[in-house]
Structure formats: structure tokens, C-alpha cells
């Protein structure tokens, strides 16, 4: 299937590994000109070399307003913006400091807001474009072990829906993808650490995770990054023109609500 995004300019924030990498690679395979972003030159160069095609790199933490401003100077306009940059950590609620709350908010929410604030108006002016926020099932079912993370994922859904209201009657869409438990770089390290601490193997940890922590999952395994990325790449295409203001699910059926 031709997704009709050949030659479109796309940015995927936080895309040197995990879901972001899978999205960048998927867009590149479809012929888009993709900007890969990561914190260091080394990781950006490694990712762009692995993806191949019409791929460019931008190293820097896009949670920083100053770094974002440098990106805007280099790339003033985009056709596709994927706000994927994000962090997570488990922490008892009473132990989450103001500093940790602020850091989580700046990375997970404000990075996407700043990027959208710059690129979205141009999309509306040109009457074409796609903005996609990579949220999580944790934005709907807030996990008690990382409430601050869940709050930021809920905020992404709200921002995307509000922006979509501003795109009414245009060829611009703004959507959110709710990723579920995914075997990304960060999740993989988390699983390995849990296995080491428990003196068992990763398969046993995965089984325990879905038995006790995410028992509502219908997939009953971690999704691959490609399974999540495929939905994002489709939403970035003209073929998804009737999908706007939506929170699309790629979370393995963890969310039990019908709507």
C-alpha cells in the first residue's frame, strides 16, 4: 500500500531508539525525509546510519527551549511532527519531589507543546500537515507506581484534542497514539533489572508483569516497537484524513473501557 508520504518532511523527537526509532524507520521506508533526534551526536549518527534513506540528524534535548530554538532555525517547516520524546520512572507517590514532577512535565509535555506551537501554525497556513503525540495507556489508566508519568500522558491527550479543534475544516490533523507495554530500550532495561533482582529470567518477569501488573492486557506480551510504529506511520499519511482529534490505541487491549 502506498501511504503517499514520499518526499514529506518529518520530525520524530526522541527517535534514536525504541518506539521513536521504529516510527522514524517506518516513515523513511515510505519515502519521507526524516529528521532523527536524540540527546547525543553519537546516538543520532548511529540511528541515521541504521535507518538509511533520506534521513537527517539533530542532536540535542528538545525539552530545552534553547535547543528547540536551534531546531526551528535549521528546520523552519514540517509536514509531519511526531512528539515522541518522553521519559518514565517508577516512584512511590509520596516520594516524587517537585523537581521530579517538573522534569517529567518538561520532557513529556512541554517538549511537544513547544514543537507544536512552532510547526502547527504553518501547517494550518499551508492547509496540510500531521501532528501526532505518542501517549500511553497510562494516560487513561493512571498507574499507581508512576502517577507523575500517567499525568503527563493524560495531558498529551488533552493538548492534542484541543489542537485538533483548531484544525476544523482543514487538511491538518492532530491525533494521539496510546502505546501500551512495549519492548523498547527503556522497558527492556527495566525488565532485565527486575529479572536480576529476582534471580530469574526475562520470560518469567514478562509473565509476572502481565499476570499481576497489567492483567487486563489482551495481548499478554510486550508489543514490538514496529507494532506501535505502524499505526503512527499510517496516521501520518493522507490516507488517515478522516481521523482527527482521536486517541488511537496500540496498547494491546489493556484499556477495558469501550470508548
C-alpha atoms as a PDB file:
ATOM      1  CA  UNK A   1       0.000   0.000   0.000  1.00  0.00           C
ATOM      2  CA  UNK A   2       1.334   3.435  -0.955  1.00  0.00           C
ATOM      3  CA  UNK A   3       0.866   5.749   2.048  1.00  0.00           C
ATOM      4  CA  UNK A   4       1.554   8.799  -0.134  1.00  0.00           C
ATOM      5  CA  UNK A   5       4.138  10.393   2.136  1.00  0.00           C
ATOM      6  CA  UNK A   6       7.111  10.234  -0.238  1.00  0.00           C
ATOM      7  CA  UNK A   7       9.067  13.481  -0.001  1.00  0.00           C
ATOM      8  CA  UNK A   8       7.193  14.743   3.072  1.00  0.00           C
ATOM      9  CA  UNK A   9       9.443  16.281   5.733  1.00  0.00           C
ATOM     10  CA  UNK A  10       9.003  14.660   9.144  1.00  0.00           C
ATOM     11  CA  UNK A  11      10.484  15.104  12.607  1.00  0.00           C
ATOM     12  CA  UNK A  12      10.313  12.397  15.247  1.00  0.00           C
ATOM     13  CA  UNK A  13      11.528  13.664  18.619  1.00  0.00           C
ATOM     14  CA  UNK A  14      13.395  11.140  20.747  1.00  0.00           C
ATOM     15  CA  UNK A  15      13.961   8.752  17.864  1.00  0.00           C
ATOM     16  CA  UNK A  16      17.379   7.141  18.300  1.00  0.00           C
ATOM     17  CA  UNK A  17      15.832   4.068  19.954  1.00  0.00           C
ATOM     18  CA  UNK A  18      12.570   2.413  20.900  1.00  0.00           C
ATOM     19  CA  UNK A  19       9.200   3.461  19.510  1.00  0.00           C
ATOM     20  CA  UNK A  20      10.621   6.713  18.146  1.00  0.00           C
ATOM     21  CA  UNK A  21      13.237   4.829  16.154  1.00  0.00           C
ATOM     22  CA  UNK A  22      10.583   2.479  14.809  1.00  0.00           C
ATOM     23  CA  UNK A  23       8.459   5.441  13.700  1.00  0.00           C
ATOM     24  CA  UNK A  24      11.403   7.189  12.032  1.00  0.00           C
ATOM     25  CA  UNK A  25      12.378   3.990  10.232  1.00  0.00           C
ATOM     26  CA  UNK A  26       8.800   3.379   9.109  1.00  0.00           C
ATOM     27  CA  UNK A  27       8.426   6.903   7.720  1.00  0.00           C
ATOM     28  CA  UNK A  28      11.770   6.603   5.925  1.00  0.00           C
ATOM     29  CA  UNK A  29      10.720   3.304   4.338  1.00  0.00           C
ATOM     30  CA  UNK A  30       7.695   5.109   2.915  1.00  0.00           C
ATOM     31  CA  UNK A  31       9.957   7.723   1.330  1.00  0.00           C
ATOM     32  CA  UNK A  32       9.619  10.577   3.805  1.00  0.00           C
ATOM     33  CA  UNK A  33      12.536  12.867   4.571  1.00  0.00           C
ATOM     34  CA  UNK A  34      13.017  12.175   8.281  1.00  0.00           C
ATOM     35  CA  UNK A  35      14.786  14.166  10.992  1.00  0.00           C
ATOM     36  CA  UNK A  36      16.036  11.840  13.719  1.00  0.00           C
ATOM     37  CA  UNK A  37      16.529  13.380  17.151  1.00  0.00           C
ATOM     38  CA  UNK A  38      18.444  12.234  20.191  1.00  0.00           C
ATOM     39  CA  UNK A  39      20.475  13.708  23.020  1.00  0.00           C
ATOM     40  CA  UNK A  40      23.956  12.932  21.659  1.00  0.00           C
ATOM     41  CA  UNK A  41      25.666  13.097  18.265  1.00  0.00           C
ATOM     42  CA  UNK A  42      26.880   9.544  18.698  1.00  0.00           C
ATOM     43  CA  UNK A  43      23.398   8.075  19.111  1.00  0.00           C
ATOM     44  CA  UNK A  44      21.945  10.237  16.337  1.00  0.00           C
ATOM     45  CA  UNK A  45      24.644   9.189  13.866  1.00  0.00           C
ATOM     46  CA  UNK A  46      24.191   5.521  14.749  1.00  0.00           C
ATOM     47  CA  UNK A  47      20.408   5.738  14.284  1.00  0.00           C
ATOM     48  CA  UNK A  48      20.547   7.619  10.959  1.00  0.00           C
ATOM     49  CA  UNK A  49      23.104   5.153   9.603  1.00  0.00           C
ATOM     50  CA  UNK A  50      20.903   2.224  10.591  1.00  0.00           C
ATOM     51  CA  UNK A  51      17.753   3.703   9.081  1.00  0.00           C
ATOM     52  CA  UNK A  52      19.256   4.911   5.791  1.00  0.00           C
ATOM     53  CA  UNK A  53      17.377   6.757   3.072  1.00  0.00           C
ATOM     54  CA  UNK A  54      16.653  10.485   3.192  1.00  0.00           C
ATOM     55  CA  UNK A  55      17.435  10.826   6.886  1.00  0.00           C
ATOM     56  CA  UNK A  56      18.912  13.776   8.762  1.00  0.00           C
ATOM     57  CA  UNK A  57      20.044  14.115  12.356  1.00  0.00           C
ATOM     58  CA  UNK A  58      19.566  16.707  15.070  1.00  0.00           C
ATOM     59  CA  UNK A  59      21.315  16.119  18.381  1.00  0.00           C
ATOM     60  CA  UNK A  60      20.026  17.840  21.498  1.00  0.00           C
ATOM     61  CA  UNK A  61      17.488  17.606  24.296  1.00  0.00           C
ATOM     62  CA  UNK A  62      14.264  19.054  22.877  1.00  0.00           C
ATOM     63  CA  UNK A  63      12.901  19.534  26.382  1.00  0.00           C
ATOM     64  CA  UNK A  64      15.176  22.581  26.421  1.00  0.00           C
ATOM     65  CA  UNK A  65      13.688  25.762  24.883  1.00  0.00           C
ATOM     66  CA  UNK A  66      17.139  26.835  23.704  1.00  0.00           C
ATOM     67  CA  UNK A  67      17.767  23.552  21.904  1.00  0.00           C
ATOM     68  CA  UNK A  68      14.290  23.657  20.356  1.00  0.00           C
ATOM     69  CA  UNK A  69      15.016  27.178  19.052  1.00  0.00           C
ATOM     70  CA  UNK A  70      18.116  25.853  17.252  1.00  0.00           C
ATOM     71  CA  UNK A  71      15.994  23.142  15.657  1.00  0.00           C
ATOM     72  CA  UNK A  72      13.476  25.726  14.434  1.00  0.00           C
ATOM     73  CA  UNK A  73      16.265  27.760  12.828  1.00  0.00           C
ATOM     74  CA  UNK A  74      17.547  24.722  10.964  1.00  0.00           C
ATOM     75  CA  UNK A  75      14.157  23.272  10.018  1.00  0.00           C
ATOM     76  CA  UNK A  76      11.535  26.064   9.916  1.00  0.00           C
ATOM     77  CA  UNK A  77       8.706  23.950   8.435  1.00  0.00           C
ATOM     78  CA  UNK A  78       7.491  20.359   8.593  1.00  0.00           C
ATOM     79  CA  UNK A  79       4.766  18.245   7.043  1.00  0.00           C
ATOM     80  CA  UNK A  80       4.747  15.657   9.850  1.00  0.00           C
ATOM     81  CA  UNK A  81       5.539  16.190  13.525  1.00  0.00           C
ATOM     82  CA  UNK A  82       5.683  13.205  15.868  1.00  0.00           C
ATOM     83  CA  UNK A  83       6.022  14.219  19.517  1.00  0.00           C
ATOM     84  CA  UNK A  84       7.576  11.054  20.870  1.00  0.00           C
ATOM     85  CA  UNK A  85      10.185  12.356  23.324  1.00  0.00           C
ATOM     86  CA  UNK A  86       9.425  11.018  26.777  1.00  0.00           C
ATOM     87  CA  UNK A  87      10.767   9.509  29.980  1.00  0.00           C
ATOM     88  CA  UNK A  88       9.301   7.266  32.644  1.00  0.00           C
ATOM     89  CA  UNK A  89      10.272   6.036  36.084  1.00  0.00           C
ATOM     90  CA  UNK A  90       8.595   4.191  38.909  1.00  0.00           C
ATOM     91  CA  UNK A  91       8.362   6.081  42.186  1.00  0.00           C
ATOM     92  CA  UNK A  92       6.044   5.955  45.218  1.00  0.00           C
ATOM     93  CA  UNK A  93       3.731   8.980  45.012  1.00  0.00           C
ATOM     94  CA  UNK A  94       4.791  10.483  48.345  1.00  0.00           C
ATOM     95  CA  UNK A  95       8.449  10.349  47.265  1.00  0.00           C
ATOM     96  CA  UNK A  96       8.046  12.234  43.973  1.00  0.00           C
ATOM     97  CA  UNK A  97       9.714  15.586  44.522  1.00  0.00           C
ATOM     98  CA  UNK A  98       8.811  18.891  42.895  1.00  0.00           C
ATOM     99  CA  UNK A  99      11.985  18.597  40.836  1.00  0.00           C
ATOM    100  CA  UNK A 100      10.942  15.178  39.523  1.00  0.00           C
ATOM    101  CA  UNK A 101       7.430  16.407  38.735  1.00  0.00           C
ATOM    102  CA  UNK A 102       8.889  19.378  36.823  1.00  0.00           C
ATOM    103  CA  UNK A 103      11.371  17.251  34.901  1.00  0.00           C
ATOM    104  CA  UNK A 104       8.697  14.766  33.849  1.00  0.00           C
ATOM    105  CA  UNK A 105       6.416  17.627  32.750  1.00  0.00           C
ATOM    106  CA  UNK A 106       9.125  19.461  30.781  1.00  0.00           C
ATOM    107  CA  UNK A 107      10.213  16.360  28.868  1.00  0.00           C
ATOM    108  CA  UNK A 108       6.901  14.620  28.278  1.00  0.00           C
ATOM    109  CA  UNK A 109       4.568  17.585  27.833  1.00  0.00           C
ATOM    110  CA  UNK A 110       6.360  20.860  27.190  1.00  0.00           C
ATOM    111  CA  UNK A 111       8.703  19.444  24.553  1.00  0.00           C
ATOM    112  CA  UNK A 112       5.699  18.522  22.405  1.00  0.00           C
ATOM    113  CA  UNK A 113       3.894  21.774  23.149  1.00  0.00           C
ATOM    114  CA  UNK A 114       6.891  23.862  22.060  1.00  0.00           C
ATOM    115  CA  UNK A 115       7.394  21.877  18.873  1.00  0.00           C
ATOM    116  CA  UNK A 116       3.693  22.033  18.057  1.00  0.00           C
ATOM    117  CA  UNK A 117       3.473  25.737  18.826  1.00  0.00           C
ATOM    118  CA  UNK A 118       6.157  26.364  16.220  1.00  0.00           C
ATOM    119  CA  UNK A 119       5.126  23.952  13.432  1.00  0.00           C
ATOM    120  CA  UNK A 120       1.336  23.715  13.753  1.00  0.00           C
ATOM    121  CA  UNK A 121       0.516  27.290  12.593  1.00  0.00           C
ATOM    122  CA  UNK A 122       2.489  26.757   9.380  1.00  0.00           C
ATOM    123  CA  UNK A 123       0.604  23.545   8.702  1.00  0.00           C
ATOM    124  CA  UNK A 124      -2.687  25.383   9.077  1.00  0.00           C
ATOM    125  CA  UNK A 125      -1.463  28.156   6.770  1.00  0.00           C
ATOM    126  CA  UNK A 126      -0.427  25.637   4.091  1.00  0.00           C
ATOM    127  CA  UNK A 127      -3.604  23.604   4.741  1.00  0.00           C
ATOM    128  CA  UNK A 128      -1.786  20.308   5.126  1.00  0.00           C
ATOM    129  CA  UNK A 129       0.063  18.523   7.901  1.00  0.00           C
ATOM    130  CA  UNK A 130       0.056  15.915  10.625  1.00  0.00           C
ATOM    131  CA  UNK A 131       0.801  16.251  14.337  1.00  0.00           C
ATOM    132  CA  UNK A 132       0.913  13.076  16.418  1.00  0.00           C
ATOM    133  CA  UNK A 133       1.555  12.779  20.153  1.00  0.00           C
ATOM    134  CA  UNK A 134       2.835   9.453  21.462  1.00  0.00           C
ATOM    135  CA  UNK A 135       0.956   8.977  24.709  1.00  0.00           C
ATOM    136  CA  UNK A 136       0.211   5.786  26.634  1.00  0.00           C
ATOM    137  CA  UNK A 137      -2.486   3.644  28.131  1.00  0.00           C
ATOM    138  CA  UNK A 138      -1.176   5.138  31.370  1.00  0.00           C
ATOM    139  CA  UNK A 139      -2.857   8.386  30.349  1.00  0.00           C
ATOM    140  CA  UNK A 140      -6.243   6.675  30.715  1.00  0.00           C
ATOM    141  CA  UNK A 141      -5.479   4.176  33.481  1.00  0.00           C
ATOM    142  CA  UNK A 142      -3.056   6.074  35.718  1.00  0.00           C
ATOM    143  CA  UNK A 143      -0.527   3.602  37.174  1.00  0.00           C
ATOM    144  CA  UNK A 144      -0.116   3.879  40.919  1.00  0.00           C
ATOM    145  CA  UNK A 145       3.587   3.147  40.642  1.00  0.00           C
ATOM    146  CA  UNK A 146       4.282   6.214  38.449  1.00  0.00           C
ATOM    147  CA  UNK A 147       1.474   8.719  38.864  1.00  0.00           C
ATOM    148  CA  UNK A 148       3.568  11.634  37.583  1.00  0.00           C
ATOM    149  CA  UNK A 149       4.169   9.773  34.310  1.00  0.00           C
ATOM    150  CA  UNK A 150       0.472   9.000  33.910  1.00  0.00           C
ATOM    151  CA  UNK A 151      -0.476  12.639  34.479  1.00  0.00           C
ATOM    152  CA  UNK A 152       1.838  13.761  31.657  1.00  0.00           C
ATOM    153  CA  UNK A 153       0.360  11.178  29.305  1.00  0.00           C
ATOM    154  CA  UNK A 154      -3.159  12.419  30.093  1.00  0.00           C
ATOM    155  CA  UNK A 155      -2.010  15.962  29.377  1.00  0.00           C
ATOM    156  CA  UNK A 156      -0.769  14.945  25.929  1.00  0.00           C
ATOM    157  CA  UNK A 157      -4.205  13.590  25.043  1.00  0.00           C
ATOM    158  CA  UNK A 158      -5.813  16.862  26.147  1.00  0.00           C
ATOM    159  CA  UNK A 159      -3.355  19.062  24.226  1.00  0.00           C
ATOM    160  CA  UNK A 160      -3.812  17.038  21.050  1.00  0.00           C
ATOM    161  CA  UNK A 161      -7.601  17.212  21.254  1.00  0.00           C
ATOM    162  CA  UNK A 162      -7.513  20.968  21.814  1.00  0.00           C
ATOM    163  CA  UNK A 163      -5.203  21.470  18.848  1.00  0.00           C
ATOM    164  CA  UNK A 164      -7.460  19.304  16.694  1.00  0.00           C
ATOM    165  CA  UNK A 165     -10.342  21.662  17.451  1.00  0.00           C
ATOM    166  CA  UNK A 166      -8.235  24.443  15.922  1.00  0.00           C
ATOM    167  CA  UNK A 167      -7.786  22.397  12.732  1.00  0.00           C
ATOM    168  CA  UNK A 168     -11.510  22.041  11.963  1.00  0.00           C
ATOM    169  CA  UNK A 169     -12.282  22.293   8.256  1.00  0.00           C
ATOM    170  CA  UNK A 170      -8.630  21.956   7.199  1.00  0.00           C
ATOM    171  CA  UNK A 171      -6.419  19.179   5.860  1.00  0.00           C
ATOM    172  CA  UNK A 172      -4.404  19.200   9.079  1.00  0.00           C
ATOM    173  CA  UNK A 173      -4.969  16.519  11.703  1.00  0.00           C
ATOM    174  CA  UNK A 174      -3.798  16.154  15.297  1.00  0.00           C
ATOM    175  CA  UNK A 175      -4.036  12.769  16.974  1.00  0.00           C
ATOM    176  CA  UNK A 176      -2.643  10.810  19.888  1.00  0.00           C
ATOM    177  CA  UNK A 177      -1.448   7.224  19.920  1.00  0.00           C
ATOM    178  CA  UNK A 178      -1.833   5.350  23.192  1.00  0.00           C
ATOM    179  CA  UNK A 179       1.040   2.912  23.335  1.00  0.00           C
ATOM    180  CA  UNK A 180       0.875   0.026  25.754  1.00  0.00           C
ATOM    181  CA  UNK A 181       3.632  -2.044  27.344  1.00  0.00           C
ATOM    182  CA  UNK A 182       6.230  -2.163  24.578  1.00  0.00           C
ATOM    183  CA  UNK A 183       9.616  -3.845  24.430  1.00  0.00           C
ATOM    184  CA  UNK A 184      11.538  -0.635  23.896  1.00  0.00           C
ATOM    185  CA  UNK A 185      15.079   0.111  25.019  1.00  0.00           C
ATOM    186  CA  UNK A 186      13.925   1.544  28.346  1.00  0.00           C
ATOM    187  CA  UNK A 187      11.417  -1.221  29.036  1.00  0.00           C
ATOM    188  CA  UNK A 188      13.994  -3.848  28.099  1.00  0.00           C
ATOM    189  CA  UNK A 189      16.467  -2.477  30.629  1.00  0.00           C
ATOM    190  CA  UNK A 190      13.700  -2.333  33.247  1.00  0.00           C
ATOM    191  CA  UNK A 191      12.795  -5.992  32.635  1.00  0.00           C
ATOM    192  CA  UNK A 192      16.426  -7.112  32.777  1.00  0.00           C
ATOM    193  CA  UNK A 193      16.924  -5.293  36.067  1.00  0.00           C
ATOM    194  CA  UNK A 194      13.791  -6.864  37.545  1.00  0.00           C
ATOM    195  CA  UNK A 195      14.980 -10.306  36.424  1.00  0.00           C
ATOM    196  CA  UNK A 196      18.392  -9.774  38.031  1.00  0.00           C
ATOM    197  CA  UNK A 197      16.866  -8.519  41.274  1.00  0.00           C
ATOM    198  CA  UNK A 198      14.500 -11.508  41.433  1.00  0.00           C
ATOM    199  CA  UNK A 199      17.133 -14.047  40.379  1.00  0.00           C
ATOM    200  CA  UNK A 200      15.060 -15.222  37.419  1.00  0.00           C
ATOM    201  CA  UNK A 201      14.907 -14.763  33.644  1.00  0.00           C
ATOM    202  CA  UNK A 202      13.206 -12.134  31.489  1.00  0.00           C
ATOM    203  CA  UNK A 203      10.484 -14.508  30.286  1.00  0.00           C
ATOM    204  CA  UNK A 204       9.399 -15.107  33.868  1.00  0.00           C
ATOM    205  CA  UNK A 205       9.363 -11.374  34.563  1.00  0.00           C
ATOM    206  CA  UNK A 206       7.234 -10.751  31.468  1.00  0.00           C
ATOM    207  CA  UNK A 207       4.770 -13.430  32.553  1.00  0.00           C
ATOM    208  CA  UNK A 208       4.586 -11.932  36.057  1.00  0.00           C
ATOM    209  CA  UNK A 209       4.134  -8.425  34.652  1.00  0.00           C
ATOM    210  CA  UNK A 210       1.036  -9.366  32.685  1.00  0.00           C
ATOM    211  CA  UNK A 211      -0.323 -11.620  35.394  1.00  0.00           C
ATOM    212  CA  UNK A 212      -0.039  -9.091  38.227  1.00  0.00           C
ATOM    213  CA  UNK A 213       0.649  -5.572  36.890  1.00  0.00           C
ATOM    214  CA  UNK A 214      -1.237  -5.439  33.558  1.00  0.00           C
ATOM    215  CA  UNK A 215      -3.669  -8.387  33.849  1.00  0.00           C
ATOM    216  CA  UNK A 216      -6.236  -6.694  31.574  1.00  0.00           C
ATOM    217  CA  UNK A 217      -3.908  -6.955  28.562  1.00  0.00           C
ATOM    218  CA  UNK A 218      -5.431  -8.972  25.746  1.00  0.00           C
ATOM    219  CA  UNK A 219      -2.069  -9.284  24.019  1.00  0.00           C
ATOM    220  CA  UNK A 220      -0.470 -10.788  27.150  1.00  0.00           C
ATOM    221  CA  UNK A 221       3.005  -9.859  25.947  1.00  0.00           C
ATOM    222  CA  UNK A 222       5.022  -6.744  25.258  1.00  0.00           C
ATOM    223  CA  UNK A 223       4.265  -5.224  21.865  1.00  0.00           C
ATOM    224  CA  UNK A 224       7.122  -4.726  19.446  1.00  0.00           C
ATOM    225  CA  UNK A 225       8.124  -1.196  18.536  1.00  0.00           C
ATOM    226  CA  UNK A 226       7.074  -1.921  14.951  1.00  0.00           C
ATOM    227  CA  UNK A 227       3.530  -2.803  16.036  1.00  0.00           C
ATOM    228  CA  UNK A 228       3.148   0.645  17.588  1.00  0.00           C
ATOM    229  CA  UNK A 229       5.068   2.459  14.851  1.00  0.00           C
ATOM    230  CA  UNK A 230       2.864   1.035  12.076  1.00  0.00           C
ATOM    231  CA  UNK A 231      -0.185   2.845  13.433  1.00  0.00           C
ATOM    232  CA  UNK A 232       1.744   6.114  13.742  1.00  0.00           C
ATOM    233  CA  UNK A 233       3.041   5.923  10.176  1.00  0.00           C
ATOM    234  CA  UNK A 234      -0.495   5.362   8.890  1.00  0.00           C
ATOM    235  CA  UNK A 235      -1.828   8.345  10.882  1.00  0.00           C
ATOM    236  CA  UNK A 236       0.949  10.464   9.360  1.00  0.00           C
ATOM    237  CA  UNK A 237      -0.331   9.723   5.868  1.00  0.00           C
ATOM    238  CA  UNK A 238      -3.047  11.339   3.733  1.00  0.00           C
ATOM    239  CA  UNK A 239      -4.932   8.028   3.933  1.00  0.00           C
ATOM    240  CA  UNK A 240      -5.824   8.877   7.556  1.00  0.00           C
ATOM    241  CA  UNK A 241      -7.505  12.159   6.611  1.00  0.00           C
ATOM    242  CA  UNK A 242     -10.791  11.319   8.380  1.00  0.00           C
ATOM    243  CA  UNK A 243      -9.060  10.609  11.701  1.00  0.00           C
ATOM    244  CA  UNK A 244      -8.667  13.803  13.707  1.00  0.00           C
ATOM    245  CA  UNK A 245      -8.765  14.602  17.424  1.00  0.00           C
ATOM    246  CA  UNK A 246      -8.614  10.896  18.215  1.00  0.00           C
ATOM    247  CA  UNK A 247      -6.762   8.906  20.852  1.00  0.00           C
ATOM    248  CA  UNK A 248      -5.889   5.801  18.867  1.00  0.00           C
ATOM    249  CA  UNK A 249      -4.925   2.645  20.724  1.00  0.00           C
ATOM    250  CA  UNK A 250      -1.893   0.445  20.196  1.00  0.00           C
ATOM    251  CA  UNK A 251      -1.885  -0.832  23.777  1.00  0.00           C
ATOM    252  CA  UNK A 252      -2.709  -4.494  23.417  1.00  0.00           C
ATOM    253  CA  UNK A 253      -6.192  -4.211  24.899  1.00  0.00           C
ATOM    254  CA  UNK A 254      -5.005  -3.097  28.358  1.00  0.00           C
ATOM    255  CA  UNK A 255      -7.719  -0.430  28.469  1.00  0.00           C
ATOM    256  CA  UNK A 256     -11.027  -2.128  29.223  1.00  0.00           C
ATOM    257  CA  UNK A 257     -13.342   0.811  28.528  1.00  0.00           C
ATOM    258  CA  UNK A 258     -15.256   0.567  25.246  1.00  0.00           C
ATOM    259  CA  UNK A 259     -14.730   4.235  24.306  1.00  0.00           C
END
